[in-house]
């Protein structure tokens, strides 16, 4: 199905690189102008040029954003698999899993399972 889409839309190989370059230039300019507008008057820092702004943008992406969007999808897939496993467990298996997680994770008990000690 993907190959059919590419065959019907060969222009994407021209438009996509141009769009990426346009977004990179736009965001680089945006970071440069925001930096130069805010930080020198507020903190006395130096103004930066386009390439420094682009480097700052890339550094922030590496430090705070990562690359690609695969992390959220992977976590979502794990949650779905865990939920499917949980749904297939018997009540005894679920209770065994709860107990083993409590032992490993510091013994936090839910209010419904707490036992009161005699006074």
PDB file of N, CA and C in Angstrom:
ATOM      1  N   UNK A   1       0.813  -1.182   0.000  1.00  0.00           N
ATOM      2  CA  UNK A   1       0.000   0.000   0.000  1.00  0.00           C
ATOM      3  C   UNK A   1       0.867   1.261   0.000  1.00  0.00           C
ATOM      4  N   UNK A   2       1.957   1.215   0.750  1.00  0.00           N
ATOM      5  CA  UNK A   2       2.853   2.360   0.799  1.00  0.00           C
ATOM      6  C   UNK A   2       3.478   2.617  -0.572  1.00  0.00           C
ATOM      7  N   UNK A   3       3.867   1.552  -1.276  1.00  0.00           N
ATOM      8  CA  UNK A   3       4.467   1.712  -2.599  1.00  0.00           C
ATOM      9  C   UNK A   3       3.482   2.336  -3.579  1.00  0.00           C
ATOM     10  N   UNK A   4       2.196   1.994  -3.457  1.00  0.00           N
ATOM     11  CA  UNK A   4       1.189   2.577  -4.337  1.00  0.00           C
ATOM     12  C   UNK A   4       1.086   4.074  -4.087  1.00  0.00           C
ATOM     13  N   UNK A   5       1.132   4.477  -2.841  1.00  0.00           N
ATOM     14  CA  UNK A   5       1.034   5.900  -2.507  1.00  0.00           C
ATOM     15  C   UNK A   5       2.222   6.664  -3.088  1.00  0.00           C
ATOM     16  N   UNK A   6       3.408   6.084  -2.995  1.00  0.00           N
ATOM     17  CA  UNK A   6       4.603   6.734  -3.533  1.00  0.00           C
ATOM     18  C   UNK A   6       4.518   6.817  -5.052  1.00  0.00           C
ATOM     19  N   UNK A   7       4.004   5.780  -5.679  1.00  0.00           N
ATOM     20  CA  UNK A   7       3.873   5.799  -7.133  1.00  0.00           C
ATOM     21  C   UNK A   7       2.877   6.868  -7.591  1.00  0.00           C
ATOM     22  N   UNK A   8       1.814   7.081  -6.820  1.00  0.00           N
ATOM     23  CA  UNK A   8       0.822   8.083  -7.189  1.00  0.00           C
ATOM     24  C   UNK A   8       1.275   9.503  -6.854  1.00  0.00           C
ATOM     25  N   UNK A   9       2.235   9.663  -5.943  1.00  0.00           N
ATOM     26  CA  UNK A   9       2.681  10.982  -5.487  1.00  0.00           C
ATOM     27  C   UNK A   9       4.198  11.134  -5.580  1.00  0.00           C
ATOM     28  N   UNK A  10       4.778  11.092  -6.769  1.00  0.00           N
ATOM     29  CA  UNK A  10       6.239  11.205  -6.875  1.00  0.00           C
ATOM     30  C   UNK A  10       6.744  12.606  -6.527  1.00  0.00           C
ATOM     31  N   UNK A  11       5.877  13.606  -6.557  1.00  0.00           N
ATOM     32  CA  UNK A  11       6.267  14.974  -6.238  1.00  0.00           C
ATOM     33  C   UNK A  11       6.708  15.121  -4.794  1.00  0.00           C
ATOM     34  N   UNK A  12       6.361  14.183  -3.931  1.00  0.00           N
ATOM     35  CA  UNK A  12       6.715  14.280  -2.510  1.00  0.00           C
ATOM     36  C   UNK A  12       8.224  14.301  -2.317  1.00  0.00           C
ATOM     37  N   UNK A  13       8.975  13.667  -3.239  1.00  0.00           N
ATOM     38  CA  UNK A  13      10.430  13.633  -3.126  1.00  0.00           C
ATOM     39  C   UNK A  13      11.058  14.988  -3.424  1.00  0.00           C
ATOM     40  N   UNK A  14      10.314  15.872  -4.057  1.00  0.00           N
ATOM     41  CA  UNK A  14      10.783  17.229  -4.313  1.00  0.00           C
ATOM     42  C   UNK A  14      10.293  18.166  -3.212  1.00  0.00           C
ATOM     43  N   UNK A  15       9.036  18.029  -2.850  1.00  0.00           N
ATOM     44  CA  UNK A  15       8.420  18.948  -1.898  1.00  0.00           C
ATOM     45  C   UNK A  15       8.919  18.711  -0.470  1.00  0.00           C
ATOM     46  N   UNK A  16       9.071  17.467  -0.065  1.00  0.00           N
ATOM     47  CA  UNK A  16       9.452  17.166   1.326  1.00  0.00           C
ATOM     48  C   UNK A  16      10.805  17.768   1.708  1.00  0.00           C
ATOM     49  N   UNK A  17      11.875  17.586   0.925  1.00  0.00           N
ATOM     50  CA  UNK A  17      13.153  18.209   1.311  1.00  0.00           C
ATOM     51  C   UNK A  17      13.080  19.731   1.347  1.00  0.00           C
ATOM     52  N   UNK A  18      12.324  20.315   0.415  1.00  0.00           N
ATOM     53  CA  UNK A  18      12.167  21.766   0.434  1.00  0.00           C
ATOM     54  C   UNK A  18      11.404  22.229   1.668  1.00  0.00           C
ATOM     55  N   UNK A  19      10.378  21.488   2.053  1.00  0.00           N
ATOM     56  CA  UNK A  19       9.605  21.832   3.247  1.00  0.00           C
ATOM     57  C   UNK A  19      10.464  21.706   4.501  1.00  0.00           C
ATOM     58  N   UNK A  20      11.262  20.654   4.593  1.00  0.00           N
ATOM     59  CA  UNK A  20      12.146  20.485   5.749  1.00  0.00           C
ATOM     60  C   UNK A  20      13.147  21.629   5.828  1.00  0.00           C
ATOM     61  N   UNK A  21      13.747  21.983   4.702  1.00  0.00           N
ATOM     62  CA  UNK A  21      14.705  23.095   4.686  1.00  0.00           C
ATOM     63  C   UNK A  21      14.020  24.403   5.068  1.00  0.00           C
ATOM     64  N   UNK A  22      12.797  24.597   4.600  1.00  0.00           N
ATOM     65  CA  UNK A  22      12.051  25.800   4.950  1.00  0.00           C
ATOM     66  C   UNK A  22      11.747  25.883   6.434  1.00  0.00           C
ATOM     67  N   UNK A  23      11.333  24.752   7.031  1.00  0.00           N
ATOM     68  CA  UNK A  23      11.053  24.738   8.472  1.00  0.00           C
ATOM     69  C   UNK A  23      12.316  24.964   9.297  1.00  0.00           C
ATOM     70  N   UNK A  24      13.417  24.377   8.874  1.00  0.00           N
ATOM     71  CA  UNK A  24      14.683  24.578   9.590  1.00  0.00           C
ATOM     72  C   UNK A  24      15.079  26.049   9.544  1.00  0.00           C
ATOM     73  N   UNK A  25      14.973  26.659   8.370  1.00  0.00           N
ATOM     74  CA  UNK A  25      15.310  28.079   8.240  1.00  0.00           C
ATOM     75  C   UNK A  25      14.366  28.943   9.067  1.00  0.00           C
ATOM     76  N   UNK A  26      13.082  28.627   9.027  1.00  0.00           N
ATOM     77  CA  UNK A  26      12.092  29.400   9.781  1.00  0.00           C
ATOM     78  C   UNK A  26      12.344  29.322  11.285  1.00  0.00           C
ATOM     79  N   UNK A  27      12.551  28.112  11.792  1.00  0.00           N
ATOM     80  CA  UNK A  27      12.776  27.960  13.230  1.00  0.00           C
ATOM     81  C   UNK A  27      14.127  28.534  13.652  1.00  0.00           C
ATOM     82  N   UNK A  28      15.147  28.430  12.799  1.00  0.00           N
ATOM     83  CA  UNK A  28      16.428  29.051  13.111  1.00  0.00           C
ATOM     84  C   UNK A  28      16.299  30.561  13.224  1.00  0.00           C
ATOM     85  N   UNK A  29      15.591  31.166  12.279  1.00  0.00           N
ATOM     86  CA  UNK A  29      15.353  32.611  12.336  1.00  0.00           C
ATOM     87  C   UNK A  29      14.533  32.986  13.562  1.00  0.00           C
ATOM     88  N   UNK A  30      13.529  32.191  13.860  1.00  0.00           N
ATOM     89  CA  UNK A  30      12.677  32.463  15.018  1.00  0.00           C
ATOM     90  C   UNK A  30      13.482  32.428  16.317  1.00  0.00           C
ATOM     91  N   UNK A  31      14.309  31.406  16.491  1.00  0.00           N
ATOM     92  CA  UNK A  31      15.139  31.307  17.697  1.00  0.00           C
ATOM     93  C   UNK A  31      16.113  32.479  17.764  1.00  0.00           C
ATOM     94  N   UNK A  32      16.722  32.836  16.640  1.00  0.00           N
ATOM     95  CA  UNK A  32      17.671  33.943  16.623  1.00  0.00           C
ATOM     96  C   UNK A  32      16.995  35.251  17.034  1.00  0.00           C
ATOM     97  N   UNK A  33      15.843  35.539  16.450  1.00  0.00           N
ATOM     98  CA  UNK A  33      15.166  36.791  16.766  1.00  0.00           C
ATOM     99  C   UNK A  33      14.655  36.825  18.203  1.00  0.00           C
ATOM    100  N   UNK A  34      14.129  35.707  18.691  1.00  0.00           N
ATOM    101  CA  UNK A  34      13.670  35.669  20.080  1.00  0.00           C
ATOM    102  C   UNK A  34      14.829  35.843  21.058  1.00  0.00           C
ATOM    103  N   UNK A  35      15.932  35.157  20.781  1.00  0.00           N
ATOM    104  CA  UNK A  35      17.114  35.288  21.643  1.00  0.00           C
ATOM    105  C   UNK A  35      17.594  36.744  21.667  1.00  0.00           C
ATOM    106  N   UNK A  36      17.765  37.316  20.473  1.00  0.00           N
ATOM    107  CA  UNK A  36      18.295  38.673  20.376  1.00  0.00           C
ATOM    108  C   UNK A  36      17.320  39.720  20.916  1.00  0.00           C
ATOM    109  N   UNK A  37      16.040  39.432  20.921  1.00  0.00           N
ATOM    110  CA  UNK A  37      15.047  40.359  21.438  1.00  0.00           C
ATOM    111  C   UNK A  37      14.971  40.295  22.968  1.00  0.00           C
ATOM    112  N   UNK A  38      15.100  39.079  23.530  1.00  0.00           N
ATOM    113  CA  UNK A  38      14.887  38.904  24.967  1.00  0.00           C
ATOM    114  C   UNK A  38      16.153  38.911  25.819  1.00  0.00           C
ATOM    115  N   UNK A  39      17.133  38.123  25.460  1.00  0.00           N
ATOM    116  CA  UNK A  39      18.241  37.866  26.376  1.00  0.00           C
ATOM    117  C   UNK A  39      19.265  38.995  26.507  1.00  0.00           C
ATOM    118  N   UNK A  40      19.672  39.677  25.448  1.00  0.00           N
ATOM    119  CA  UNK A  40      20.614  40.780  25.684  1.00  0.00           C
ATOM    120  C   UNK A  40      20.052  41.896  26.578  1.00  0.00           C
ATOM    121  N   UNK A  41      18.799  42.339  26.389  1.00  0.00           N
ATOM    122  CA  UNK A  41      18.300  43.379  27.300  1.00  0.00           C
ATOM    123  C   UNK A  41      18.062  42.880  28.727  1.00  0.00           C
ATOM    124  N   UNK A  42      17.623  41.633  28.866  1.00  0.00           N
ATOM    125  CA  UNK A  42      17.295  41.125  30.200  1.00  0.00           C
ATOM    126  C   UNK A  42      18.530  40.746  31.009  1.00  0.00           C
ATOM    127  N   UNK A  43      19.469  40.032  30.377  1.00  0.00           N
ATOM    128  CA  UNK A  43      20.597  39.478  31.109  1.00  0.00           C
ATOM    129  C   UNK A  43      21.951  40.018  30.656  1.00  0.00           C
ATOM    130  N   UNK A  44      21.985  40.820  29.624  1.00  0.00           N
ATOM    131  CA  UNK A  44      23.242  41.352  29.130  1.00  0.00           C
ATOM    132  C   UNK A  44      24.048  40.355  28.315  1.00  0.00           C
ATOM    133  N   UNK A  45      23.416  39.286  27.839  1.00  0.00           N
ATOM    134  CA  UNK A  45      24.126  38.303  27.021  1.00  0.00           C
ATOM    135  C   UNK A  45      24.300  38.842  25.605  1.00  0.00           C
ATOM    136  N   UNK A  46      25.242  38.232  24.858  1.00  0.00           N
ATOM    137  CA  UNK A  46      25.530  38.666  23.491  1.00  0.00           C
ATOM    138  C   UNK A  46      24.418  38.238  22.543  1.00  0.00           C
ATOM    139  N   UNK A  47      24.276  38.995  21.477  1.00  0.00           N
ATOM    140  CA  UNK A  47      23.367  38.613  20.395  1.00  0.00           C
ATOM    141  C   UNK A  47      23.990  37.450  19.619  1.00  0.00           C
ATOM    142  N   UNK A  48      23.158  36.627  19.002  1.00  0.00           N
ATOM    143  CA  UNK A  48      23.664  35.476  18.250  1.00  0.00           C
ATOM    144  C   UNK A  48      23.232  35.594  16.799  1.00  0.00           C
ATOM    145  N   UNK A  49      23.929  34.858  15.949  1.00  0.00           N
ATOM    146  CA  UNK A  49      23.614  34.825  14.525  1.00  0.00           C
ATOM    147  C   UNK A  49      22.751  33.612  14.197  1.00  0.00           C
ATOM    148  N   UNK A  50      22.407  33.482  12.915  1.00  0.00           N
ATOM    149  CA  UNK A  50      21.536  32.396  12.462  1.00  0.00           C
ATOM    150  C   UNK A  50      22.118  31.020  12.761  1.00  0.00           C
ATOM    151  N   UNK A  51      23.398  30.807  12.456  1.00  0.00           N
ATOM    152  CA  UNK A  51      23.987  29.485  12.626  1.00  0.00           C
ATOM    153  C   UNK A  51      24.115  29.122  14.102  1.00  0.00           C
ATOM    154  N   UNK A  52      24.372  30.103  14.945  1.00  0.00           N
ATOM    155  CA  UNK A  52      24.393  29.839  16.388  1.00  0.00           C
ATOM    156  C   UNK A  52      22.994  29.486  16.882  1.00  0.00           C
ATOM    157  N   UNK A  53      21.985  30.168  16.368  1.00  0.00           N
ATOM    158  CA  UNK A  53      20.605  29.859  16.749  1.00  0.00           C
ATOM    159  C   UNK A  53      20.219  28.461  16.293  1.00  0.00           C
ATOM    160  N   UNK A  54      20.659  28.099  15.094  1.00  0.00           N
ATOM    161  CA  UNK A  54      20.370  26.753  14.595  1.00  0.00           C
ATOM    162  C   UNK A  54      21.079  25.702  15.448  1.00  0.00           C
ATOM    163  N   UNK A  55      22.330  25.972  15.839  1.00  0.00           N
ATOM    164  CA  UNK A  55      23.041  25.057  16.728  1.00  0.00           C
ATOM    165  C   UNK A  55      22.362  24.943  18.079  1.00  0.00           C
ATOM    166  N   UNK A  56      21.873  26.058  18.599  1.00  0.00           N
ATOM    167  CA  UNK A  56      21.147  26.047  19.869  1.00  0.00           C
ATOM    168  C   UNK A  56      19.862  25.238  19.755  1.00  0.00           C
ATOM    169  N   UNK A  57      19.177  25.385  18.639  1.00  0.00           N
ATOM    170  CA  UNK A  57      17.952  24.622  18.398  1.00  0.00           C
ATOM    171  C   UNK A  57      18.236  23.124  18.347  1.00  0.00           C
ATOM    172  N   UNK A  58      19.294  22.741  17.677  1.00  0.00           N
ATOM    173  CA  UNK A  58      19.675  21.329  17.589  1.00  0.00           C
ATOM    174  C   UNK A  58      20.089  20.805  18.965  1.00  0.00           C
ATOM    175  N   UNK A  59      20.860  21.607  19.706  1.00  0.00           N
ATOM    176  CA  UNK A  59      21.268  21.190  21.047  1.00  0.00           C
ATOM    177  C   UNK A  59      20.057  20.975  21.951  1.00  0.00           C
ATOM    178  N   UNK A  60      19.102  21.878  21.898  1.00  0.00           N
ATOM    179  CA  UNK A  60      17.890  21.724  22.713  1.00  0.00           C
ATOM    180  C   UNK A  60      17.093  20.504  22.293  1.00  0.00           C
ATOM    181  N   UNK A  61      17.047  20.236  21.009  1.00  0.00           N
ATOM    182  CA  UNK A  61      16.338  19.057  20.515  1.00  0.00           C
ATOM    183  C   UNK A  61      17.004  17.783  21.024  1.00  0.00           C
ATOM    184  N   UNK A  62      18.318  17.748  21.026  1.00  0.00           N
ATOM    185  CA  UNK A  62      19.045  16.579  21.524  1.00  0.00           C
ATOM    186  C   UNK A  62      18.816  16.411  23.023  1.00  0.00           C
ATOM    187  N   UNK A  63      18.956  17.505  23.774  1.00  0.00           N
ATOM    188  CA  UNK A  63      18.865  17.410  25.228  1.00  0.00           C
ATOM    189  C   UNK A  63      17.452  17.172  25.735  1.00  0.00           C
ATOM    190  N   UNK A  64      16.478  17.814  25.119  1.00  0.00           N
ATOM    191  CA  UNK A  64      15.132  17.786  25.674  1.00  0.00           C
ATOM    192  C   UNK A  64      14.112  17.041  24.838  1.00  0.00           C
ATOM    193  N   UNK A  65      14.351  16.877  23.543  1.00  0.00           N
ATOM    194  CA  UNK A  65      13.311  16.313  22.705  1.00  0.00           C
ATOM    195  C   UNK A  65      13.626  14.988  22.074  1.00  0.00           C
ATOM    196  N   UNK A  66      14.894  14.631  21.984  1.00  0.00           N
ATOM    197  CA  UNK A  66      15.243  13.414  21.279  1.00  0.00           C
ATOM    198  C   UNK A  66      15.036  13.572  19.785  1.00  0.00           C
ATOM    199  N   UNK A  67      15.118  12.481  19.054  1.00  0.00           N
ATOM    200  CA  UNK A  67      14.898  12.517  17.618  1.00  0.00           C
ATOM    201  C   UNK A  67      13.789  11.547  17.278  1.00  0.00           C
ATOM    202  N   UNK A  68      12.890  11.975  16.444  1.00  0.00           N
ATOM    203  CA  UNK A  68      11.782  11.123  16.026  1.00  0.00           C
ATOM    204  C   UNK A  68      10.713  11.040  17.099  1.00  0.00           C
ATOM    205  N   UNK A  69       9.588  10.440  16.750  1.00  0.00           N
ATOM    206  CA  UNK A  69       8.486  10.318  17.686  1.00  0.00           C
ATOM    207  C   UNK A  69       8.248   8.896  18.125  1.00  0.00           C
ATOM    208  N   UNK A  70       9.246   8.034  17.974  1.00  0.00           N
ATOM    209  CA  UNK A  70       9.054   6.617  18.245  1.00  0.00           C
ATOM    210  C   UNK A  70       8.900   6.296  19.723  1.00  0.00           C
ATOM    211  N   UNK A  71       9.362   7.143  20.613  1.00  0.00           N
ATOM    212  CA  UNK A  71       9.295   6.836  22.043  1.00  0.00           C
ATOM    213  C   UNK A  71       7.885   6.705  22.548  1.00  0.00           C
ATOM    214  N   UNK A  72       7.013   7.615  22.181  1.00  0.00           N
ATOM    215  CA  UNK A  72       5.630   7.555  22.638  1.00  0.00           C
ATOM    216  C   UNK A  72       4.938   6.331  22.074  1.00  0.00           C
ATOM    217  N   UNK A  73       5.182   6.018  20.817  1.00  0.00           N
ATOM    218  CA  UNK A  73       4.535   4.870  20.203  1.00  0.00           C
ATOM    219  C   UNK A  73       4.979   3.579  20.868  1.00  0.00           C
ATOM    220  N   UNK A  74       6.280   3.495  21.177  1.00  0.00           N
ATOM    221  CA  UNK A  74       6.801   2.292  21.805  1.00  0.00           C
ATOM    222  C   UNK A  74       6.170   2.090  23.182  1.00  0.00           C
ATOM    223  N   UNK A  75       6.072   3.173  23.965  1.00  0.00           N
ATOM    224  CA  UNK A  75       5.449   3.056  25.283  1.00  0.00           C
ATOM    225  C   UNK A  75       3.994   2.670  25.159  1.00  0.00           C
ATOM    226  N   UNK A  76       3.299   3.218  24.175  1.00  0.00           N
ATOM    227  CA  UNK A  76       1.900   2.867  23.961  1.00  0.00           C
ATOM    228  C   UNK A  76       1.738   1.406  23.598  1.00  0.00           C
ATOM    229  N   UNK A  77       2.662   0.889  22.794  1.00  0.00           N
ATOM    230  CA  UNK A  77       2.619  -0.521  22.423  1.00  0.00           C
ATOM    231  C   UNK A  77       2.833  -1.403  23.651  1.00  0.00           C
ATOM    232  N   UNK A  78       3.781  -1.010  24.514  1.00  0.00           N
ATOM    233  CA  UNK A  78       4.021  -1.784  25.738  1.00  0.00           C
ATOM    234  C   UNK A  78       2.788  -1.780  26.620  1.00  0.00           C
ATOM    235  N   UNK A  79       2.132  -0.636  26.741  1.00  0.00           N
ATOM    236  CA  UNK A  79       0.932  -0.558  27.575  1.00  0.00           C
ATOM    237  C   UNK A  79      -0.164  -1.457  27.028  1.00  0.00           C
ATOM    238  N   UNK A  80      -0.340  -1.459  25.710  1.00  0.00           N
ATOM    239  CA  UNK A  80      -1.368  -2.323  25.126  1.00  0.00           C
ATOM    240  C   UNK A  80      -1.053  -3.790  25.392  1.00  0.00           C
ATOM    241  N   UNK A  81       0.226  -4.176  25.222  1.00  0.00           N
ATOM    242  CA  UNK A  81       0.598  -5.562  25.478  1.00  0.00           C
ATOM    243  C   UNK A  81       0.369  -5.928  26.946  1.00  0.00           C
ATOM    244  N   UNK A  82       0.757  -5.024  27.862  1.00  0.00           N
ATOM    245  CA  UNK A  82       0.563  -5.286  29.284  1.00  0.00           C
ATOM    246  C   UNK A  82      -0.918  -5.407  29.611  1.00  0.00           C
ATOM    247  N   UNK A  83      -1.738  -4.535  29.023  1.00  0.00           N
ATOM    248  CA  UNK A  83      -3.168  -4.594  29.278  1.00  0.00           C
ATOM    249  C   UNK A  83      -3.752  -5.908  28.766  1.00  0.00           C
ATOM    250  N   UNK A  84      -3.306  -6.344  27.580  1.00  0.00           N
ATOM    251  CA  UNK A  84      -3.789  -7.615  27.042  1.00  0.00           C
ATOM    252  C   UNK A  84      -3.391  -8.780  27.949  1.00  0.00           C
ATOM    253  N   UNK A  85      -2.147  -8.744  28.450  1.00  0.00           N
ATOM    254  CA  UNK A  85      -1.708  -9.806  29.371  1.00  0.00           C
ATOM    255  C   UNK A  85      -2.541  -9.785  30.650  1.00  0.00           C
ATOM    256  N   UNK A  86      -2.793  -8.585  31.167  1.00  0.00           N
ATOM    257  CA  UNK A  86      -3.572  -8.446  32.395  1.00  0.00           C
ATOM    258  C   UNK A  86      -4.989  -9.001  32.192  1.00  0.00           C
ATOM    259  N   UNK A  87      -5.576  -8.729  31.044  1.00  0.00           N
ATOM    260  CA  UNK A  87      -6.929  -9.195  30.765  1.00  0.00           C
ATOM    261  C   UNK A  87      -6.982 -10.719  30.670  1.00  0.00           C
ATOM    262  N   UNK A  88      -5.909 -11.361  30.277  1.00  0.00           N
ATOM    263  CA  UNK A  88      -5.896 -12.814  30.125  1.00  0.00           C
ATOM    264  C   UNK A  88      -5.543 -13.538  31.419  1.00  0.00           C
ATOM    265  N   UNK A  89      -5.148 -12.802  32.465  1.00  0.00           N
ATOM    266  CA  UNK A  89      -4.763 -13.436  33.727  1.00  0.00           C
ATOM    267  C   UNK A  89      -5.998 -13.849  34.531  1.00  0.00           C
ATOM    268  N   UNK A  90      -5.811 -14.904  35.293  1.00  0.00           N
ATOM    269  CA  UNK A  90      -6.842 -15.302  36.246  1.00  0.00           C
ATOM    270  C   UNK A  90      -6.734 -14.401  37.476  1.00  0.00           C
ATOM    271  N   UNK A  91      -7.774 -14.338  38.316  1.00  0.00           N
ATOM    272  CA  UNK A  91      -7.689 -13.517  39.532  1.00  0.00           C
ATOM    273  C   UNK A  91      -6.517 -13.905  40.439  1.00  0.00           C
ATOM    274  N   UNK A  92      -6.174 -15.182  40.498  1.00  0.00           N
ATOM    275  CA  UNK A  92      -5.042 -15.620  41.318  1.00  0.00           C
ATOM    276  C   UNK A  92      -3.727 -15.092  40.758  1.00  0.00           C
ATOM    277  N   UNK A  93      -3.574 -15.139  39.421  1.00  0.00           N
ATOM    278  CA  UNK A  93      -2.357 -14.614  38.796  1.00  0.00           C
ATOM    279  C   UNK A  93      -2.234 -13.106  39.000  1.00  0.00           C
ATOM    280  N   UNK A  94      -3.364 -12.405  38.926  1.00  0.00           N
ATOM    281  CA  UNK A  94      -3.340 -10.957  39.153  1.00  0.00           C
ATOM    282  C   UNK A  94      -2.911 -10.633  40.578  1.00  0.00           C
ATOM    283  N   UNK A  95      -3.445 -11.363  41.540  1.00  0.00           N
ATOM    284  CA  UNK A  95      -3.070 -11.119  42.934  1.00  0.00           C
ATOM    285  C   UNK A  95      -1.604 -11.452  43.173  1.00  0.00           C
ATOM    286  N   UNK A  96      -1.101 -12.522  42.553  1.00  0.00           N
ATOM    287  CA  UNK A  96       0.312 -12.865  42.675  1.00  0.00           C
ATOM    288  C   UNK A  96       1.183 -11.750  42.097  1.00  0.00           C
ATOM    289  N   UNK A  97       0.783 -11.194  40.941  1.00  0.00           N
ATOM    290  CA  UNK A  97       1.528 -10.101  40.334  1.00  0.00           C
ATOM    291  C   UNK A  97       1.505  -8.868  41.235  1.00  0.00           C
ATOM    292  N   UNK A  98       0.339  -8.553  41.797  1.00  0.00           N
ATOM    293  CA  UNK A  98       0.256  -7.413  42.715  1.00  0.00           C
ATOM    294  C   UNK A  98       1.196  -7.586  43.900  1.00  0.00           C
ATOM    295  N   UNK A  99       1.187  -8.760  44.488  1.00  0.00           N
ATOM    296  CA  UNK A  99       2.042  -9.016  45.653  1.00  0.00           C
ATOM    297  C   UNK A  99       3.522  -8.923  45.287  1.00  0.00           C
ATOM    298  N   UNK A 100       3.894  -9.479  44.147  1.00  0.00           N
ATOM    299  CA  UNK A 100       5.315  -9.432  43.772  1.00  0.00           C
ATOM    300  C   UNK A 100       5.735  -7.997  43.465  1.00  0.00           C
ATOM    301  N   UNK A 101       4.858  -7.188  42.857  1.00  0.00           N
ATOM    302  CA  UNK A 101       5.185  -5.787  42.608  1.00  0.00           C
ATOM    303  C   UNK A 101       5.307  -5.015  43.918  1.00  0.00           C
ATOM    304  N   UNK A 102       4.464  -5.316  44.874  1.00  0.00           N
ATOM    305  CA  UNK A 102       4.560  -4.650  46.179  1.00  0.00           C
ATOM    306  C   UNK A 102       5.884  -4.973  46.862  1.00  0.00           C
ATOM    307  N   UNK A 103       6.313  -6.229  46.758  1.00  0.00           N
ATOM    308  CA  UNK A 103       7.592  -6.603  47.379  1.00  0.00           C
ATOM    309  C   UNK A 103       8.749  -5.875  46.713  1.00  0.00           C
ATOM    310  N   UNK A 104       8.708  -5.768  45.396  1.00  0.00           N
ATOM    311  CA  UNK A 104       9.803  -5.141  44.663  1.00  0.00           C
ATOM    312  C   UNK A 104       9.780  -3.623  44.730  1.00  0.00           C
ATOM    313  N   UNK A 105       8.600  -3.032  44.878  1.00  0.00           N
ATOM    314  CA  UNK A 105       8.463  -1.582  44.760  1.00  0.00           C
ATOM    315  C   UNK A 105       8.247  -0.892  46.095  1.00  0.00           C
ATOM    316  N   UNK A 106       8.663  -1.454  47.172  1.00  0.00           N
ATOM    317  CA  UNK A 106       8.632  -0.756  48.443  1.00  0.00           C
ATOM    318  C   UNK A 106       7.434  -1.036  49.315  1.00  0.00           C
ATOM    319  N   UNK A 107       6.582  -1.961  48.937  1.00  0.00           N
ATOM    320  CA  UNK A 107       5.496  -2.376  49.807  1.00  0.00           C
ATOM    321  C   UNK A 107       4.337  -1.411  49.917  1.00  0.00           C
ATOM    322  N   UNK A 108       4.105  -0.602  48.900  1.00  0.00           N
ATOM    323  CA  UNK A 108       2.953   0.296  48.945  1.00  0.00           C
ATOM    324  C   UNK A 108       1.690  -0.521  48.738  1.00  0.00           C
ATOM    325  N   UNK A 109       0.772  -0.406  49.635  1.00  0.00           N
ATOM    326  CA  UNK A 109      -0.475  -1.158  49.540  1.00  0.00           C
ATOM    327  C   UNK A 109      -1.617  -0.206  49.249  1.00  0.00           C
ATOM    328  N   UNK A 110      -2.602  -0.691  48.513  1.00  0.00           N
ATOM    329  CA  UNK A 110      -3.778   0.129  48.255  1.00  0.00           C
ATOM    330  C   UNK A 110      -4.643   0.134  49.508  1.00  0.00           C
ATOM    331  N   UNK A 111      -5.488   1.150  49.705  1.00  0.00           N
ATOM    332  CA  UNK A 111      -6.303   1.226  50.925  1.00  0.00           C
ATOM    333  C   UNK A 111      -7.212   0.029  51.114  1.00  0.00           C
ATOM    334  N   UNK A 112      -7.651  -0.617  50.040  1.00  0.00           N
ATOM    335  CA  UNK A 112      -8.562  -1.758  50.173  1.00  0.00           C
ATOM    336  C   UNK A 112      -7.846  -3.000  50.684  1.00  0.00           C
ATOM    337  N   UNK A 113      -6.520  -3.091  50.551  1.00  0.00           N
ATOM    338  CA  UNK A 113      -5.794  -4.296  50.973  1.00  0.00           C
ATOM    339  C   UNK A 113      -5.043  -4.097  52.265  1.00  0.00           C
ATOM    340  N   UNK A 114      -5.094  -2.899  52.840  1.00  0.00           N
ATOM    341  CA  UNK A 114      -4.367  -2.663  54.091  1.00  0.00           C
ATOM    342  C   UNK A 114      -5.068  -3.384  55.239  1.00  0.00           C
ATOM    343  N   UNK A 115      -4.276  -3.952  56.114  1.00  0.00           N
ATOM    344  CA  UNK A 115      -4.853  -4.596  57.300  1.00  0.00           C
ATOM    345  C   UNK A 115      -4.569  -3.732  58.512  1.00  0.00           C
ATOM    346  N   UNK A 116      -5.563  -3.653  59.374  1.00  0.00           N
ATOM    347  CA  UNK A 116      -5.400  -2.839  60.576  1.00  0.00           C
ATOM    348  C   UNK A 116      -4.867  -3.706  61.701  1.00  0.00           C
ATOM    349  N   UNK A 117      -3.893  -3.150  62.426  1.00  0.00           N
ATOM    350  CA  UNK A 117      -3.315  -3.880  63.542  1.00  0.00           C
ATOM    351  C   UNK A 117      -4.174  -3.688  64.782  1.00  0.00           C
ATOM    352  N   UNK A 118      -4.291  -4.712  65.612  1.00  0.00           N
ATOM    353  CA  UNK A 118      -5.093  -4.560  66.834  1.00  0.00           C
ATOM    354  C   UNK A 118      -4.401  -3.602  67.802  1.00  0.00           C
ATOM    355  N   UNK A 119      -5.204  -2.833  68.533  1.00  0.00           N
ATOM    356  CA  UNK A 119      -4.671  -1.839  69.451  1.00  0.00           C
ATOM    357  C   UNK A 119      -4.182  -2.419  70.746  1.00  0.00           C
TER     358      UNK A 119
END
